[in-house]
């Protein structure tokens, strides 16, 4: 019984430590500045997308 409880408490402690580190990492991720897309960026169209296609009527 003591072996089971000792293993359980060790796993709970490891879980708590990992939880603390993951919360701190998420906080740093939210404080980083967001990179803005430049206003001069243009959308690129491939030749397939630029052509107007005509579809035949289904029989």
PDB file of N, CA and C in Angstrom:
ATOM      1  N   UNK A   1       0.820  -1.187   0.000  1.00  0.00           N
ATOM      2  CA  UNK A   1       0.000   0.000   0.000  1.00  0.00           C
ATOM      3  C   UNK A   1       0.870   1.260   0.000  1.00  0.00           C
ATOM      4  N   UNK A   2       1.942   1.222   0.775  1.00  0.00           N
ATOM      5  CA  UNK A   2       2.828   2.389   0.829  1.00  0.00           C
ATOM      6  C   UNK A   2       3.563   2.591  -0.494  1.00  0.00           C
ATOM      7  N   UNK A   3       3.865   1.487  -1.177  1.00  0.00           N
ATOM      8  CA  UNK A   3       4.527   1.600  -2.486  1.00  0.00           C
ATOM      9  C   UNK A   3       3.590   2.281  -3.478  1.00  0.00           C
ATOM     10  N   UNK A   4       2.337   1.869  -3.446  1.00  0.00           N
ATOM     11  CA  UNK A   4       1.349   2.474  -4.342  1.00  0.00           C
ATOM     12  C   UNK A   4       1.203   3.965  -4.062  1.00  0.00           C
ATOM     13  N   UNK A   5       1.089   4.349  -2.795  1.00  0.00           N
ATOM     14  CA  UNK A   5       0.913   5.758  -2.455  1.00  0.00           C
ATOM     15  C   UNK A   5       2.160   6.575  -2.780  1.00  0.00           C
ATOM     16  N   UNK A   6       3.336   6.004  -2.576  1.00  0.00           N
ATOM     17  CA  UNK A   6       4.558   6.746  -2.890  1.00  0.00           C
ATOM     18  C   UNK A   6       4.684   6.975  -4.395  1.00  0.00           C
ATOM     19  N   UNK A   7       4.356   5.951  -5.200  1.00  0.00           N
ATOM     20  CA  UNK A   7       4.388   6.117  -6.656  1.00  0.00           C
ATOM     21  C   UNK A   7       3.342   7.141  -7.084  1.00  0.00           C
ATOM     22  N   UNK A   8       2.165   7.092  -6.481  1.00  0.00           N
ATOM     23  CA  UNK A   8       1.100   8.037  -6.814  1.00  0.00           C
ATOM     24  C   UNK A   8       1.522   9.465  -6.504  1.00  0.00           C
ATOM     25  N   UNK A   9       2.114   9.709  -5.341  1.00  0.00           N
ATOM     26  CA  UNK A   9       2.532  11.055  -4.975  1.00  0.00           C
ATOM     27  C   UNK A   9       3.679  11.556  -5.842  1.00  0.00           C
ATOM     28  N   UNK A  10       4.574  10.668  -6.243  1.00  0.00           N
ATOM     29  CA  UNK A  10       5.665  11.071  -7.136  1.00  0.00           C
ATOM     30  C   UNK A  10       5.094  11.477  -8.491  1.00  0.00           C
ATOM     31  N   UNK A  11       4.155  10.695  -9.013  1.00  0.00           N
ATOM     32  CA  UNK A  11       3.548  11.039 -10.298  1.00  0.00           C
ATOM     33  C   UNK A  11       2.750  12.337 -10.215  1.00  0.00           C
ATOM     34  N   UNK A  12       2.063  12.556  -9.100  1.00  0.00           N
ATOM     35  CA  UNK A  12       1.333  13.814  -8.920  1.00  0.00           C
ATOM     36  C   UNK A  12       2.283  15.004  -8.846  1.00  0.00           C
ATOM     37  N   UNK A  13       3.427  14.835  -8.202  1.00  0.00           N
ATOM     38  CA  UNK A  13       4.407  15.911  -8.117  1.00  0.00           C
ATOM     39  C   UNK A  13       4.989  16.228  -9.490  1.00  0.00           C
ATOM     40  N   UNK A  14       5.308  15.200 -10.258  1.00  0.00           N
ATOM     41  CA  UNK A  14       5.833  15.412 -11.614  1.00  0.00           C
ATOM     42  C   UNK A  14       4.782  16.110 -12.472  1.00  0.00           C
ATOM     43  N   UNK A  15       3.533  15.702 -12.341  1.00  0.00           N
ATOM     44  CA  UNK A  15       2.452  16.320 -13.094  1.00  0.00           C
ATOM     45  C   UNK A  15       2.307  17.792 -12.727  1.00  0.00           C
ATOM     46  N   UNK A  16       2.403  18.121 -11.453  1.00  0.00           N
ATOM     47  CA  UNK A  16       2.287  19.511 -11.014  1.00  0.00           C
ATOM     48  C   UNK A  16       3.441  20.355 -11.551  1.00  0.00           C
ATOM     49  N   UNK A  17       4.642  19.800 -11.543  1.00  0.00           N
ATOM     50  CA  UNK A  17       5.804  20.537 -12.059  1.00  0.00           C
ATOM     51  C   UNK A  17       5.651  20.794 -13.549  1.00  0.00           C
ATOM     52  N   UNK A  18       5.223  19.788 -14.296  1.00  0.00           N
ATOM     53  CA  UNK A  18       5.026  19.976 -15.732  1.00  0.00           C
ATOM     54  C   UNK A  18       3.918  20.981 -16.016  1.00  0.00           C
ATOM     55  N   UNK A  19       2.878  20.981 -15.200  1.00  0.00           N
ATOM     56  CA  UNK A  19       1.790  21.939 -15.362  1.00  0.00           C
ATOM     57  C   UNK A  19       2.271  23.363 -15.133  1.00  0.00           C
ATOM     58  N   UNK A  20       3.093  23.561 -14.129  1.00  0.00           N
ATOM     59  CA  UNK A  20       3.631  24.899 -13.846  1.00  0.00           C
ATOM     60  C   UNK A  20       4.491  25.387 -15.001  1.00  0.00           C
ATOM     61  N   UNK A  21       5.341  24.515 -15.536  1.00  0.00           N
ATOM     62  CA  UNK A  21       6.184  24.922 -16.652  1.00  0.00           C
ATOM     63  C   UNK A  21       5.371  25.213 -17.910  1.00  0.00           C
ATOM     64  N   UNK A  22       4.337  24.458 -18.158  1.00  0.00           N
ATOM     65  CA  UNK A  22       3.535  24.692 -19.356  1.00  0.00           C
ATOM     66  C   UNK A  22       2.737  25.985 -19.239  1.00  0.00           C
ATOM     67  N   UNK A  23       2.264  26.321 -18.050  1.00  0.00           N
ATOM     68  CA  UNK A  23       1.534  27.577 -17.863  1.00  0.00           C
ATOM     69  C   UNK A  23       2.472  28.760 -18.036  1.00  0.00           C
ATOM     70  N   UNK A  24       3.679  28.663 -17.521  1.00  0.00           N
ATOM     71  CA  UNK A  24       4.646  29.753 -17.695  1.00  0.00           C
ATOM     72  C   UNK A  24       5.036  29.920 -19.155  1.00  0.00           C
ATOM     73  N   UNK A  25       5.164  28.832 -19.888  1.00  0.00           N
ATOM     74  CA  UNK A  25       5.495  28.918 -21.309  1.00  0.00           C
ATOM     75  C   UNK A  25       4.368  29.537 -22.110  1.00  0.00           C
ATOM     76  N   UNK A  26       3.121  29.245 -21.744  1.00  0.00           N
ATOM     77  CA  UNK A  26       1.984  29.820 -22.449  1.00  0.00           C
ATOM     78  C   UNK A  26       1.884  31.309 -22.171  1.00  0.00           C
ATOM     79  N   UNK A  27       2.232  31.733 -20.965  1.00  0.00           N
ATOM     80  CA  UNK A  27       2.178  33.161 -20.628  1.00  0.00           C
ATOM     81  C   UNK A  27       3.184  33.943 -21.467  1.00  0.00           C
ATOM     82  N   UNK A  28       4.388  33.399 -21.640  1.00  0.00           N
ATOM     83  CA  UNK A  28       5.409  34.067 -22.455  1.00  0.00           C
ATOM     84  C   UNK A  28       4.982  34.126 -23.917  1.00  0.00           C
ATOM     85  N   UNK A  29       4.285  33.123 -24.379  1.00  0.00           N
ATOM     86  CA  UNK A  29       3.846  33.095 -25.765  1.00  0.00           C
ATOM     87  C   UNK A  29       2.823  34.196 -26.046  1.00  0.00           C
ATOM     88  N   UNK A  30       1.966  34.500 -25.059  1.00  0.00           N
ATOM     89  CA  UNK A  30       0.950  35.521 -25.246  1.00  0.00           C
ATOM     90  C   UNK A  30       1.518  36.925 -25.174  1.00  0.00           C
ATOM     91  N   UNK A  31       2.634  37.118 -24.505  1.00  0.00           N
ATOM     92  CA  UNK A  31       3.196  38.455 -24.365  1.00  0.00           C
ATOM     93  C   UNK A  31       4.080  38.845 -25.545  1.00  0.00           C
ATOM     94  N   UNK A  32       4.406  37.922 -26.442  1.00  0.00           N
ATOM     95  CA  UNK A  32       5.224  38.263 -27.602  1.00  0.00           C
ATOM     96  C   UNK A  32       4.424  39.139 -28.553  1.00  0.00           C
ATOM     97  N   UNK A  33       5.074  40.107 -29.187  1.00  0.00           N
ATOM     98  CA  UNK A  33       4.338  40.970 -30.118  1.00  0.00           C
ATOM     99  C   UNK A  33       3.899  40.191 -31.361  1.00  0.00           C
ATOM    100  N   UNK A  34       2.775  40.596 -31.887  1.00  0.00           N
ATOM    101  CA  UNK A  34       2.232  39.939 -33.069  1.00  0.00           C
ATOM    102  C   UNK A  34       2.833  40.596 -34.295  1.00  0.00           C
ATOM    103  N   UNK A  35       3.303  39.797 -35.240  1.00  0.00           N
ATOM    104  CA  UNK A  35       3.868  40.349 -36.466  1.00  0.00           C
ATOM    105  C   UNK A  35       2.751  40.708 -37.418  1.00  0.00           C
ATOM    106  N   UNK A  36       2.772  41.935 -37.900  1.00  0.00           N
ATOM    107  CA  UNK A  36       1.754  42.408 -38.825  1.00  0.00           C
ATOM    108  C   UNK A  36       2.169  42.095 -40.254  1.00  0.00           C
ATOM    109  N   UNK A  37       1.181  41.814 -41.085  1.00  0.00           N
ATOM    110  CA  UNK A  37       1.435  41.596 -42.507  1.00  0.00           C
ATOM    111  C   UNK A  37       1.581  42.956 -43.155  1.00  0.00           C
ATOM    112  N   UNK A  38       2.584  43.100 -43.992  1.00  0.00           N
ATOM    113  CA  UNK A  38       2.811  44.399 -44.617  1.00  0.00           C
ATOM    114  C   UNK A  38       1.652  44.756 -45.542  1.00  0.00           C
ATOM    115  N   UNK A  39       1.375  46.046 -45.640  1.00  0.00           N
ATOM    116  CA  UNK A  39       0.262  46.509 -46.462  1.00  0.00           C
ATOM    117  C   UNK A  39       0.576  46.412 -47.947  1.00  0.00           C
ATOM    118  N   UNK A  40       1.853  46.283 -48.290  1.00  0.00           N
ATOM    119  CA  UNK A  40       2.242  46.217 -49.692  1.00  0.00           C
ATOM    120  C   UNK A  40       2.239  44.794 -50.232  1.00  0.00           C
ATOM    121  N   UNK A  41       1.891  43.826 -49.415  1.00  0.00           N
ATOM    122  CA  UNK A  41       1.897  42.449 -49.886  1.00  0.00           C
ATOM    123  C   UNK A  41       0.762  42.250 -50.894  1.00  0.00           C
ATOM    124  N   UNK A  42       1.034  41.485 -51.911  1.00  0.00           N
ATOM    125  CA  UNK A  42       0.046  41.233 -52.953  1.00  0.00           C
ATOM    126  C   UNK A  42      -0.288  39.761 -52.979  1.00  0.00           C
ATOM    127  N   UNK A  43      -1.485  39.463 -53.424  1.00  0.00           N
ATOM    128  CA  UNK A  43      -1.866  38.064 -53.562  1.00  0.00           C
ATOM    129  C   UNK A  43      -1.385  37.563 -54.906  1.00  0.00           C
ATOM    130  N   UNK A  44      -0.889  36.378 -54.921  1.00  0.00           N
ATOM    131  CA  UNK A  44      -0.381  35.795 -56.156  1.00  0.00           C
ATOM    132  C   UNK A  44      -1.409  34.826 -56.693  1.00  0.00           C
ATOM    133  N   UNK A  45      -1.730  34.986 -57.949  1.00  0.00           N
ATOM    134  CA  UNK A  45      -2.661  34.069 -58.596  1.00  0.00           C
ATOM    135  C   UNK A  45      -1.884  33.191 -59.559  1.00  0.00           C
ATOM    136  N   UNK A  46      -2.178  31.934 -59.527  1.00  0.00           N
ATOM    137  CA  UNK A  46      -1.590  31.028 -60.483  1.00  0.00           C
ATOM    138  C   UNK A  46      -2.392  31.096 -61.776  1.00  0.00           C
ATOM    139  N   UNK A  47      -1.805  30.768 -62.903  1.00  0.00           N
ATOM    140  CA  UNK A  47      -2.539  30.867 -64.170  1.00  0.00           C
ATOM    141  C   UNK A  47      -3.841  30.073 -64.179  1.00  0.00           C
ATOM    142  N   UNK A  48      -3.881  28.938 -63.489  1.00  0.00           N
ATOM    143  CA  UNK A  48      -5.109  28.149 -63.440  1.00  0.00           C
ATOM    144  C   UNK A  48      -6.230  28.927 -62.779  1.00  0.00           C
ATOM    145  N   UNK A  49      -5.893  29.674 -61.708  1.00  0.00           N
ATOM    146  CA  UNK A  49      -6.911  30.378 -60.951  1.00  0.00           C
ATOM    147  C   UNK A  49      -7.376  31.636 -61.674  1.00  0.00           C
ATOM    148  N   UNK A  50      -6.531  32.214 -62.527  1.00  0.00           N
ATOM    149  CA  UNK A  50      -6.875  33.464 -63.189  1.00  0.00           C
ATOM    150  C   UNK A  50      -7.808  33.218 -64.374  1.00  0.00           C
ATOM    151  N   UNK A  51      -7.726  32.056 -65.006  1.00  0.00           N
ATOM    152  CA  UNK A  51      -8.554  31.781 -66.181  1.00  0.00           C
ATOM    153  C   UNK A  51      -9.991  31.519 -65.762  1.00  0.00           C
ATOM    154  N   UNK A  52     -10.913  32.003 -66.573  1.00  0.00           N
ATOM    155  CA  UNK A  52     -12.314  31.690 -66.330  1.00  0.00           C
ATOM    156  C   UNK A  52     -12.624  30.394 -67.068  1.00  0.00           C
ATOM    157  N   UNK A  53     -13.166  29.445 -66.385  1.00  0.00           N
ATOM    158  CA  UNK A  53     -13.443  28.157 -66.995  1.00  0.00           C
ATOM    159  C   UNK A  53     -14.922  28.064 -67.327  1.00  0.00           C
ATOM    160  N   UNK A  54     -15.200  27.346 -68.395  1.00  0.00           N
ATOM    161  CA  UNK A  54     -16.590  27.124 -68.800  1.00  0.00           C
ATOM    162  C   UNK A  54     -16.890  25.645 -68.581  1.00  0.00           C
ATOM    163  N   UNK A  55     -18.033  25.392 -68.010  1.00  0.00           N
ATOM    164  CA  UNK A  55     -18.432  24.028 -67.734  1.00  0.00           C
ATOM    165  C   UNK A  55     -19.555  23.628 -68.670  1.00  0.00           C
ATOM    166  N   UNK A  56     -19.500  22.373 -69.131  1.00  0.00           N
ATOM    167  CA  UNK A  56     -20.565  21.871 -69.972  1.00  0.00           C
ATOM    168  C   UNK A  56     -21.727  21.432 -69.113  1.00  0.00           C
ATOM    169  N   UNK A  57     -22.922  21.547 -69.651  1.00  0.00           N
ATOM    170  CA  UNK A  57     -24.097  21.154 -68.905  1.00  0.00           C
ATOM    171  C   UNK A  57     -24.142  19.631 -68.788  1.00  0.00           C
ATOM    172  N   UNK A  58     -24.478  19.153 -67.609  1.00  0.00           N
ATOM    173  CA  UNK A  58     -24.543  17.708 -67.380  1.00  0.00           C
ATOM    174  C   UNK A  58     -25.706  17.119 -68.134  1.00  0.00           C
ATOM    175  N   UNK A  59     -25.505  15.935 -68.657  1.00  0.00           N
ATOM    176  CA  UNK A  59     -26.553  15.285 -69.438  1.00  0.00           C
ATOM    177  C   UNK A  59     -27.487  14.530 -68.515  1.00  0.00           C
TER     178      UNK A  59
END
